[in-house]
Structures are given as structure tokens and as C-alpha cells.
N, C-alpha and C. Protein backbone atom coordinates (compact mmCIF):
# COMPACT_ATOMS: atom_id res chain seq x y z
N MET A 1 38.65 -114.01 174.17
CA MET A 1 37.50 -114.35 174.97
C MET A 1 37.95 -114.81 176.35
N GLU A 2 37.33 -114.28 177.37
CA GLU A 2 37.68 -114.60 178.74
C GLU A 2 37.10 -115.96 179.14
N ASP A 3 37.88 -116.72 179.91
CA ASP A 3 37.39 -118.01 180.40
C ASP A 3 36.20 -117.81 181.32
N ILE A 4 35.23 -118.68 181.21
CA ILE A 4 34.07 -118.63 182.08
C ILE A 4 34.42 -119.36 183.36
N LYS A 5 34.24 -118.66 184.48
CA LYS A 5 34.55 -119.24 185.78
C LYS A 5 33.27 -119.72 186.45
N ILE A 6 33.41 -120.70 187.28
CA ILE A 6 32.28 -121.27 188.01
C ILE A 6 32.04 -120.43 189.25
N PRO A 7 30.84 -119.86 189.39
CA PRO A 7 30.54 -119.10 190.61
C PRO A 7 30.46 -120.06 191.80
N ILE A 8 31.03 -119.63 192.90
CA ILE A 8 31.10 -120.50 194.08
C ILE A 8 31.11 -119.62 195.33
N THR A 9 30.47 -120.09 196.39
CA THR A 9 30.46 -119.33 197.65
C THR A 9 31.80 -119.56 198.37
N LYS A 10 32.04 -118.74 199.37
CA LYS A 10 33.27 -118.88 200.17
C LYS A 10 33.32 -120.25 200.84
N LYS A 11 32.18 -120.68 201.38
CA LYS A 11 32.14 -121.99 202.04
C LYS A 11 32.40 -123.11 201.03
N GLN A 12 31.80 -123.01 199.86
CA GLN A 12 32.02 -124.03 198.83
C GLN A 12 33.49 -124.05 198.39
N PHE A 13 34.08 -122.87 198.28
CA PHE A 13 35.50 -122.81 197.89
C PHE A 13 36.37 -123.45 198.97
N ALA A 14 36.06 -123.16 200.23
CA ALA A 14 36.81 -123.77 201.34
C ALA A 14 36.65 -125.29 201.30
N GLU A 15 35.46 -125.75 200.93
CA GLU A 15 35.23 -127.20 200.81
C GLU A 15 36.07 -127.79 199.68
N VAL A 16 36.22 -127.05 198.58
CA VAL A 16 37.09 -127.50 197.49
C VAL A 16 38.51 -127.65 198.01
N LEU A 17 38.99 -126.66 198.74
CA LEU A 17 40.35 -126.72 199.30
C LEU A 17 40.49 -127.89 200.27
N TYR A 18 39.48 -128.08 201.10
CA TYR A 18 39.51 -129.18 202.07
C TYR A 18 39.53 -130.53 201.35
N HIS A 19 38.73 -130.66 200.32
CA HIS A 19 38.70 -131.89 199.54
C HIS A 19 40.07 -132.13 198.90
N TRP A 20 40.65 -131.07 198.36
CA TRP A 20 41.98 -131.15 197.74
C TRP A 20 43.00 -131.67 198.76
N LEU A 21 42.97 -131.11 199.94
CA LEU A 21 43.88 -131.53 201.00
C LEU A 21 43.62 -132.98 201.39
N SER A 22 42.38 -133.33 201.60
CA SER A 22 42.02 -134.68 202.04
C SER A 22 42.44 -135.75 201.04
N ARG A 23 42.33 -135.42 199.76
CA ARG A 23 42.78 -136.38 198.72
C ARG A 23 44.27 -136.66 198.83
N ALA A 24 45.03 -135.65 199.22
CA ALA A 24 46.49 -135.80 199.34
C ALA A 24 46.89 -136.52 200.62
N LEU A 25 45.95 -136.64 201.57
CA LEU A 25 46.28 -137.20 202.88
C LEU A 25 45.66 -138.58 203.13
N THR A 26 45.28 -139.27 202.08
CA THR A 26 44.75 -140.62 202.27
C THR A 26 45.88 -141.53 202.75
N LYS A 27 45.50 -142.61 203.39
CA LYS A 27 46.49 -143.57 203.88
C LYS A 27 47.37 -144.07 202.73
N LYS A 28 46.73 -144.33 201.60
CA LYS A 28 47.46 -144.81 200.42
C LYS A 28 48.50 -143.77 199.95
N GLU A 29 48.10 -142.50 199.88
CA GLU A 29 49.02 -141.45 199.43
C GLU A 29 50.17 -141.26 200.42
N ILE A 30 49.85 -141.28 201.71
CA ILE A 30 50.90 -141.09 202.72
C ILE A 30 51.89 -142.25 202.65
N LYS A 31 51.41 -143.47 202.51
CA LYS A 31 52.31 -144.62 202.39
C LYS A 31 53.15 -144.53 201.13
N ARG A 32 52.55 -144.09 200.02
CA ARG A 32 53.29 -143.93 198.77
C ARG A 32 54.40 -142.89 198.94
N ASN A 33 54.07 -141.79 199.60
CA ASN A 33 55.07 -140.75 199.85
C ASN A 33 56.17 -141.23 200.78
N ALA A 34 55.81 -142.02 201.77
CA ALA A 34 56.81 -142.56 202.69
C ALA A 34 57.82 -143.43 201.94
N VAL A 35 57.31 -144.27 201.05
CA VAL A 35 58.20 -145.12 200.24
C VAL A 35 59.11 -144.24 199.38
N ALA A 36 58.54 -143.24 198.72
CA ALA A 36 59.33 -142.36 197.84
C ALA A 36 60.43 -141.63 198.60
N LEU A 37 60.16 -141.31 199.87
CA LEU A 37 61.14 -140.58 200.69
C LEU A 37 62.03 -141.51 201.52
N ASP A 38 61.82 -142.81 201.38
CA ASP A 38 62.54 -143.79 202.17
C ASP A 38 62.33 -143.53 203.68
N PHE A 39 61.09 -143.18 204.02
CA PHE A 39 60.70 -142.96 205.41
C PHE A 39 60.06 -144.24 205.90
N LYS A 40 60.66 -144.86 206.88
CA LYS A 40 60.21 -146.17 207.36
C LYS A 40 58.95 -146.04 208.22
N LEU A 41 57.93 -146.82 207.85
CA LEU A 41 56.68 -146.87 208.62
C LEU A 41 56.67 -148.17 209.42
N ILE A 42 57.32 -148.14 210.57
CA ILE A 42 57.45 -149.35 211.38
C ILE A 42 56.37 -149.41 212.45
N LYS A 43 56.10 -148.29 213.08
CA LYS A 43 55.07 -148.26 214.13
C LYS A 43 54.07 -147.15 213.84
N ASP A 44 52.98 -147.14 214.59
CA ASP A 44 51.91 -146.16 214.37
C ASP A 44 52.43 -144.72 214.47
N ASP A 45 53.37 -144.48 215.38
CA ASP A 45 53.92 -143.13 215.53
C ASP A 45 54.59 -142.65 214.25
N ASP A 46 55.17 -143.57 213.50
CA ASP A 46 55.82 -143.20 212.23
C ASP A 46 54.78 -142.68 211.25
N PHE A 47 53.64 -143.36 211.16
CA PHE A 47 52.59 -142.90 210.26
C PHE A 47 52.06 -141.55 210.73
N ARG A 48 51.84 -141.40 212.03
CA ARG A 48 51.35 -140.11 212.56
C ARG A 48 52.34 -138.98 212.26
N LYS A 49 53.63 -139.29 212.35
CA LYS A 49 54.66 -138.28 212.08
C LYS A 49 54.60 -137.80 210.63
N ILE A 50 54.62 -138.73 209.69
CA ILE A 50 54.61 -138.31 208.28
C ILE A 50 53.27 -137.70 207.90
N PHE A 51 52.17 -138.23 208.44
CA PHE A 51 50.86 -137.65 208.17
C PHE A 51 50.83 -136.20 208.67
N GLY A 52 51.30 -135.98 209.89
CA GLY A 52 51.29 -134.63 210.48
C GLY A 52 52.14 -133.66 209.68
N GLU A 53 53.27 -134.15 209.20
CA GLU A 53 54.15 -133.27 208.43
C GLU A 53 53.53 -132.92 207.08
N TYR A 54 52.94 -133.92 206.43
CA TYR A 54 52.25 -133.64 205.16
C TYR A 54 51.03 -132.77 205.38
N LEU A 55 50.33 -132.94 206.48
CA LEU A 55 49.17 -132.10 206.78
C LEU A 55 49.59 -130.64 206.80
N VAL A 56 50.61 -130.33 207.56
CA VAL A 56 51.09 -128.94 207.67
C VAL A 56 51.62 -128.45 206.32
N PHE A 57 52.45 -129.26 205.69
CA PHE A 57 53.07 -128.86 204.42
C PHE A 57 52.03 -128.61 203.33
N ASP A 58 51.05 -129.50 203.23
CA ASP A 58 50.02 -129.35 202.20
C ASP A 58 49.08 -128.18 202.52
N MET A 59 48.78 -127.98 203.80
CA MET A 59 47.97 -126.81 204.17
C MET A 59 48.72 -125.53 203.82
N TRP A 60 50.00 -125.49 204.16
CA TRP A 60 50.81 -124.31 203.81
C TRP A 60 50.82 -124.11 202.30
N SER A 61 50.96 -125.19 201.55
CA SER A 61 50.97 -125.09 200.09
C SER A 61 49.66 -124.50 199.57
N ILE A 62 48.56 -124.88 200.17
CA ILE A 62 47.25 -124.35 199.79
C ILE A 62 47.15 -122.86 200.13
N VAL A 63 47.57 -122.50 201.34
CA VAL A 63 47.53 -121.09 201.75
C VAL A 63 48.45 -120.27 200.84
N TYR A 64 49.65 -120.76 200.61
CA TYR A 64 50.62 -120.08 199.76
C TYR A 64 50.04 -119.83 198.36
N THR A 65 49.41 -120.84 197.81
CA THR A 65 48.83 -120.73 196.47
C THR A 65 47.66 -119.75 196.46
N CYS A 66 46.80 -119.83 197.46
CA CYS A 66 45.66 -118.89 197.54
C CYS A 66 46.16 -117.45 197.69
N GLU A 67 47.19 -117.25 198.50
CA GLU A 67 47.71 -115.89 198.69
C GLU A 67 48.27 -115.32 197.39
N ARG A 68 48.79 -116.16 196.54
CA ARG A 68 49.33 -115.70 195.25
C ARG A 68 48.23 -115.44 194.23
N LEU A 69 47.15 -116.22 194.27
CA LEU A 69 46.15 -116.17 193.19
C LEU A 69 44.90 -115.35 193.51
N LEU A 70 44.52 -115.30 194.77
CA LEU A 70 43.27 -114.61 195.13
C LEU A 70 43.59 -113.18 195.58
N GLU A 71 43.24 -112.25 194.74
CA GLU A 71 43.62 -110.86 194.98
C GLU A 71 42.81 -110.19 196.08
N ASN A 72 41.54 -110.57 196.23
CA ASN A 72 40.70 -109.96 197.26
C ASN A 72 41.07 -110.59 198.61
N GLU A 73 41.83 -109.84 199.38
CA GLU A 73 42.36 -110.35 200.65
C GLU A 73 41.26 -110.73 201.64
N GLU A 74 40.21 -109.95 201.69
CA GLU A 74 39.11 -110.23 202.62
C GLU A 74 38.43 -111.56 202.28
N ILE A 75 38.11 -111.75 201.02
CA ILE A 75 37.48 -113.01 200.59
C ILE A 75 38.44 -114.17 200.81
N ARG A 76 39.69 -113.98 200.40
CA ARG A 76 40.70 -115.04 200.57
C ARG A 76 40.81 -115.45 202.03
N ASN A 77 40.93 -114.49 202.92
CA ASN A 77 41.11 -114.81 204.34
C ASN A 77 39.87 -115.48 204.94
N GLU A 78 38.70 -115.06 204.50
CA GLU A 78 37.47 -115.72 204.97
C GLU A 78 37.45 -117.18 204.52
N CYS A 79 37.80 -117.41 203.26
CA CYS A 79 37.84 -118.79 202.74
C CYS A 79 38.85 -119.63 203.50
N LEU A 80 40.02 -119.06 203.76
CA LEU A 80 41.06 -119.81 204.47
C LEU A 80 40.68 -120.05 205.93
N ASP A 81 39.97 -119.12 206.54
CA ASP A 81 39.48 -119.35 207.91
C ASP A 81 38.51 -120.53 207.94
N ILE A 82 37.60 -120.56 206.99
CA ILE A 82 36.64 -121.67 206.91
C ILE A 82 37.39 -122.97 206.65
N PHE A 83 38.35 -122.93 205.73
CA PHE A 83 39.17 -124.10 205.41
C PHE A 83 39.88 -124.63 206.65
N HIS A 84 40.53 -123.74 207.41
CA HIS A 84 41.25 -124.18 208.61
C HIS A 84 40.31 -124.79 209.65
N ASN A 85 39.12 -124.23 209.78
CA ASN A 85 38.13 -124.82 210.68
C ASN A 85 37.74 -126.22 210.22
N MET A 86 37.58 -126.40 208.92
CA MET A 86 37.25 -127.73 208.40
C MET A 86 38.37 -128.73 208.68
N VAL A 87 39.60 -128.30 208.48
CA VAL A 87 40.75 -129.18 208.74
C VAL A 87 40.79 -129.55 210.22
N TYR A 88 40.62 -128.56 211.07
CA TYR A 88 40.65 -128.82 212.51
C TYR A 88 39.55 -129.82 212.89
N ASN A 89 38.36 -129.61 212.40
CA ASN A 89 37.25 -130.50 212.74
C ASN A 89 37.38 -131.88 212.11
N GLY A 90 38.07 -131.98 210.98
CA GLY A 90 38.18 -133.25 210.27
C GLY A 90 39.43 -134.05 210.55
N HIS A 91 40.52 -133.40 210.97
CA HIS A 91 41.79 -134.10 211.07
C HIS A 91 42.51 -133.95 212.42
N ILE A 92 42.03 -133.09 213.30
CA ILE A 92 42.77 -132.79 214.53
C ILE A 92 42.01 -133.30 215.74
N ASN A 93 42.74 -133.89 216.66
CA ASN A 93 42.16 -134.37 217.91
C ASN A 93 41.94 -133.15 218.81
N SER A 94 40.68 -132.76 218.98
CA SER A 94 40.37 -131.56 219.76
C SER A 94 40.68 -131.74 221.25
N ASN A 95 40.92 -132.97 221.69
CA ASN A 95 41.34 -133.18 223.08
C ASN A 95 42.80 -132.79 223.28
N GLU A 96 43.55 -132.77 222.18
CA GLU A 96 44.97 -132.46 222.24
C GLU A 96 45.23 -130.96 222.10
N PHE A 97 44.46 -130.29 221.23
CA PHE A 97 44.65 -128.87 220.95
C PHE A 97 43.30 -128.17 220.89
N THR A 98 43.25 -126.94 221.41
CA THR A 98 42.10 -126.09 221.10
C THR A 98 42.34 -125.54 219.70
N PHE A 99 41.31 -125.05 219.06
CA PHE A 99 41.48 -124.49 217.73
C PHE A 99 42.50 -123.35 217.76
N LYS A 100 42.39 -122.48 218.76
CA LYS A 100 43.29 -121.32 218.86
C LYS A 100 44.74 -121.78 218.99
N ASN A 101 45.01 -122.73 219.87
CA ASN A 101 46.38 -123.21 220.06
C ASN A 101 46.90 -123.93 218.82
N TRP A 102 46.02 -124.68 218.17
CA TRP A 102 46.40 -125.37 216.95
C TRP A 102 46.78 -124.35 215.87
N MET A 103 45.98 -123.30 215.72
CA MET A 103 46.28 -122.27 214.72
C MET A 103 47.59 -121.56 215.02
N ILE A 104 47.89 -121.34 216.29
CA ILE A 104 49.17 -120.72 216.65
C ILE A 104 50.32 -121.63 216.22
N SER A 105 50.21 -122.92 216.51
CA SER A 105 51.29 -123.85 216.13
C SER A 105 51.41 -123.96 214.62
N ILE A 106 50.29 -123.98 213.92
CA ILE A 106 50.31 -124.05 212.45
C ILE A 106 50.93 -122.78 211.88
N SER A 107 50.57 -121.64 212.42
CA SER A 107 51.10 -120.36 211.94
C SER A 107 52.62 -120.32 212.06
N LEU A 108 53.14 -120.85 213.16
CA LEU A 108 54.59 -120.88 213.33
C LEU A 108 55.25 -121.75 212.27
N ARG A 109 54.62 -122.85 211.93
CA ARG A 109 55.15 -123.73 210.88
C ARG A 109 55.05 -123.06 209.52
N TYR A 110 53.96 -122.34 209.27
CA TYR A 110 53.81 -121.60 208.01
C TYR A 110 54.95 -120.58 207.87
N ILE A 111 55.29 -119.93 208.96
CA ILE A 111 56.37 -118.94 208.94
C ILE A 111 57.68 -119.60 208.50
N GLU A 112 57.96 -120.81 209.01
CA GLU A 112 59.18 -121.53 208.61
C GLU A 112 59.22 -121.72 207.10
N TYR A 113 58.12 -122.19 206.53
CA TYR A 113 58.08 -122.42 205.08
C TYR A 113 58.12 -121.11 204.29
N ASN A 114 57.45 -120.07 204.79
CA ASN A 114 57.49 -118.77 204.11
C ASN A 114 58.91 -118.21 204.10
N GLU A 115 59.61 -118.36 205.22
CA GLU A 115 61.00 -117.89 205.28
C GLU A 115 61.87 -118.66 204.30
N ALA A 116 61.65 -119.96 204.18
CA ALA A 116 62.42 -120.77 203.23
C ALA A 116 62.16 -120.30 201.80
N MET A 117 60.94 -119.88 201.50
CA MET A 117 60.61 -119.41 200.15
C MET A 117 61.32 -118.10 199.82
N LYS A 118 61.77 -117.38 200.82
CA LYS A 118 62.44 -116.09 200.59
C LYS A 118 63.93 -116.25 200.29
N ILE A 119 64.48 -117.42 200.51
CA ILE A 119 65.92 -117.63 200.29
C ILE A 119 66.21 -117.57 198.80
N LYS A 120 67.17 -116.77 198.44
CA LYS A 120 67.49 -116.53 197.03
C LYS A 120 68.69 -117.34 196.53
N HIS A 121 69.21 -118.22 197.35
CA HIS A 121 70.36 -119.02 196.94
C HIS A 121 69.95 -120.09 195.93
N PRO A 122 70.90 -120.52 195.11
CA PRO A 122 70.59 -121.60 194.15
C PRO A 122 70.26 -122.88 194.89
N PRO A 123 69.60 -123.82 194.29
CA PRO A 123 69.11 -123.75 192.93
C PRO A 123 67.84 -122.91 192.81
N ASN A 124 66.94 -122.95 193.80
CA ASN A 124 65.74 -122.10 193.79
C ASN A 124 65.07 -122.21 195.16
N PRO A 125 64.07 -121.34 195.43
CA PRO A 125 63.42 -121.37 196.75
C PRO A 125 62.78 -122.71 197.10
N LEU A 126 62.28 -123.43 196.11
CA LEU A 126 61.65 -124.71 196.40
C LEU A 126 62.63 -125.68 197.05
N TRP A 127 63.90 -125.57 196.68
CA TRP A 127 64.92 -126.42 197.27
C TRP A 127 64.97 -126.19 198.78
N TRP A 128 64.86 -124.93 199.18
CA TRP A 128 64.95 -124.58 200.60
C TRP A 128 63.68 -124.95 201.35
N VAL A 129 62.54 -124.87 200.68
CA VAL A 129 61.29 -125.34 201.28
C VAL A 129 61.38 -126.85 201.50
N ALA A 130 61.89 -127.56 200.50
CA ALA A 130 62.06 -129.02 200.61
C ALA A 130 63.03 -129.35 201.74
N LYS A 131 64.06 -128.55 201.89
CA LYS A 131 65.03 -128.76 202.97
C LYS A 131 64.35 -128.61 204.33
N GLU A 132 63.48 -127.63 204.46
CA GLU A 132 62.73 -127.41 205.70
C GLU A 132 61.81 -128.60 205.99
N PHE A 133 61.11 -129.07 204.96
CA PHE A 133 60.24 -130.24 205.10
C PHE A 133 61.08 -131.46 205.51
N ASN A 134 62.18 -131.64 204.84
CA ASN A 134 63.11 -132.73 205.10
C ASN A 134 63.53 -132.71 206.58
N LYS A 135 63.92 -131.54 207.07
CA LYS A 135 64.35 -131.38 208.47
C LYS A 135 63.20 -131.69 209.43
N ASN A 136 62.01 -131.18 209.11
CA ASN A 136 60.86 -131.41 209.99
C ASN A 136 60.47 -132.88 210.05
N LEU A 137 60.57 -133.57 208.92
CA LEU A 137 60.17 -134.96 208.86
C LEU A 137 61.19 -135.89 209.52
N PHE A 138 62.45 -135.68 209.21
CA PHE A 138 63.49 -136.60 209.66
C PHE A 138 64.22 -136.14 210.92
N GLY A 139 63.92 -134.94 211.41
CA GLY A 139 64.58 -134.43 212.61
C GLY A 139 65.86 -133.68 212.30
N LYS A 140 66.43 -133.95 211.16
CA LYS A 140 67.59 -133.21 210.64
C LYS A 140 67.56 -133.40 209.13
N VAL A 141 68.23 -132.53 208.42
CA VAL A 141 68.21 -132.61 206.96
C VAL A 141 69.02 -133.83 206.52
N ARG A 142 68.34 -134.72 205.81
CA ARG A 142 69.06 -135.85 205.21
C ARG A 142 69.80 -135.33 204.00
N LYS A 143 71.03 -135.76 203.86
CA LYS A 143 71.89 -135.26 202.79
C LYS A 143 71.61 -135.95 201.45
N ASP A 144 70.52 -136.65 201.36
CA ASP A 144 70.15 -137.39 200.16
C ASP A 144 69.49 -136.44 199.16
N VAL A 145 70.17 -136.18 198.05
CA VAL A 145 69.65 -135.28 197.03
C VAL A 145 68.34 -135.80 196.46
N PHE A 146 68.21 -137.10 196.36
CA PHE A 146 66.99 -137.71 195.82
C PHE A 146 65.78 -137.32 196.68
N VAL A 147 65.94 -137.35 198.00
CA VAL A 147 64.84 -136.97 198.90
C VAL A 147 64.43 -135.53 198.62
N GLN A 148 65.41 -134.65 198.49
CA GLN A 148 65.12 -133.25 198.19
C GLN A 148 64.36 -133.12 196.87
N MET A 149 64.80 -133.84 195.87
CA MET A 149 64.17 -133.75 194.55
C MET A 149 62.73 -134.28 194.58
N VAL A 150 62.48 -135.34 195.33
CA VAL A 150 61.13 -135.89 195.45
C VAL A 150 60.21 -134.85 196.11
N ILE A 151 60.69 -134.20 197.15
CA ILE A 151 59.88 -133.20 197.85
C ILE A 151 59.59 -132.02 196.93
N VAL A 152 60.60 -131.54 196.21
CA VAL A 152 60.41 -130.43 195.27
C VAL A 152 59.39 -130.81 194.20
N GLU A 153 59.53 -132.01 193.65
CA GLU A 153 58.60 -132.46 192.62
C GLU A 153 57.17 -132.57 193.15
N CYS A 154 57.01 -133.14 194.33
CA CYS A 154 55.66 -133.26 194.93
C CYS A 154 55.04 -131.89 195.14
N PHE A 155 55.81 -130.97 195.69
CA PHE A 155 55.31 -129.62 195.94
C PHE A 155 54.93 -128.95 194.61
N GLY A 156 55.80 -129.04 193.63
CA GLY A 156 55.55 -128.41 192.33
C GLY A 156 54.29 -128.94 191.67
N LEU A 157 54.10 -130.25 191.69
CA LEU A 157 52.90 -130.85 191.09
C LEU A 157 51.65 -130.46 191.86
N PHE A 158 51.72 -130.53 193.19
CA PHE A 158 50.59 -130.19 194.04
C PHE A 158 50.12 -128.76 193.74
N VAL A 159 51.06 -127.82 193.75
CA VAL A 159 50.71 -126.41 193.54
C VAL A 159 50.26 -126.16 192.11
N SER A 160 50.91 -126.76 191.14
CA SER A 160 50.55 -126.58 189.74
C SER A 160 49.10 -127.00 189.48
N HIS A 161 48.73 -128.17 189.97
CA HIS A 161 47.36 -128.65 189.77
C HIS A 161 46.36 -127.84 190.59
N LEU A 162 46.76 -127.46 191.79
CA LEU A 162 45.88 -126.64 192.63
C LEU A 162 45.62 -125.28 191.98
N GLU A 163 46.65 -124.67 191.41
CA GLU A 163 46.48 -123.38 190.73
C GLU A 163 45.41 -123.48 189.65
N LYS A 164 45.49 -124.52 188.85
CA LYS A 164 44.51 -124.70 187.77
C LYS A 164 43.10 -124.83 188.34
N ALA A 165 42.97 -125.58 189.42
CA ALA A 165 41.66 -125.77 190.04
C ALA A 165 41.13 -124.44 190.60
N ILE A 166 41.97 -123.71 191.30
CA ILE A 166 41.55 -122.44 191.90
C ILE A 166 41.08 -121.46 190.84
N LEU A 167 41.80 -121.42 189.73
CA LEU A 167 41.48 -120.45 188.67
C LEU A 167 40.18 -120.75 187.95
N GLU A 168 39.58 -121.92 188.21
CA GLU A 168 38.30 -122.26 187.60
C GLU A 168 37.12 -121.57 188.29
N TYR A 169 37.37 -121.01 189.49
CA TYR A 169 36.27 -120.51 190.32
C TYR A 169 36.24 -119.00 190.42
N ASP A 170 35.03 -118.49 190.58
CA ASP A 170 34.78 -117.08 190.89
C ASP A 170 34.06 -117.08 192.23
N ILE A 171 34.76 -116.66 193.27
CA ILE A 171 34.19 -116.68 194.62
C ILE A 171 33.27 -115.48 194.78
N VAL A 172 31.99 -115.80 195.10
CA VAL A 172 30.98 -114.73 195.25
C VAL A 172 30.51 -114.63 196.69
């Protein structure tokens, strides 16, 4: 027997993705992640730095997961366009970036993570994605294996739970 999926519009699906992202970007979650990564939050710029890095990383994780699970490219891209507009309107200072310029900068960051996922060296591609995140957050790759493992674990859990959520819906 096939699982019954919840019918949902493209806009509603984008809202689900936006809610998923926003839950991961609360002040409490960002501070918890900073502690886990031994990232010092001394001044406001430190919080903005880690928040910005998680914003990009989590958005990329959402896009990456949608690209793997949603076979209809047209529907997927429409949902992701709506999602990116929601993120821009909800989390980005429009005085600093236009939507177009913001999307260009985000796309370049997505390319970095996509390239890292293509690396076939041991232990696995997630290690290289974590290394990229590590470099972006700290300015250079910290040689701390624990930091790498925390990033890999966070990414794995985020995507695993997101996959389950995405598979509950039938986008109409």
C-alpha cells in the first residue's frame, strides 16, 4: 500500500521549507551550534558571522535535498524560487543587497558546497562539505577533527529529518 501524501501548493511547500530553515536559525540554535563548534561569540559581528554561514549552509542543504527528492524540475524550481524570496524578505537586509545580487552571491556559495559534494576522497563527501563550511566560518580550515565531525553530524541530521518531511507532501 502506497503512503498517503498531503496535497500542498507550491507556495505552501515553500513555506514549509522556510519554516524548516527558520527553526534552525533561532538565536538559541545558533548559540548552541557556536558552543558545539567552539566558535566564540564575543561581539555582535561574531553572531552575524555564524548566523550568515548557517543561513547559507542550511539553505544549500534544503536546495540539495529538494534537488535529490523532487523529480519534477519545474515544480521544484518554482518552489525554491518562492522559498528564496521568503528568505530574502525575512532574513536579509534589503538595503545591503538587491534580491538579484543576493541570489548571485548565494549561488556562488552553493557552487562551493556542490563542488565539495563531488569529491570522492575518503572518508566521504560530507567530510569535504564540512571542511568547506569550516573554512567559510573560521576563515581557514581548523584542523580540529571534532569540529569536522560536529558539522557532518549536524548536516546529516538536518537532511535526514528534512527528507522525511519533504516526502510527506504531494505538491499540486
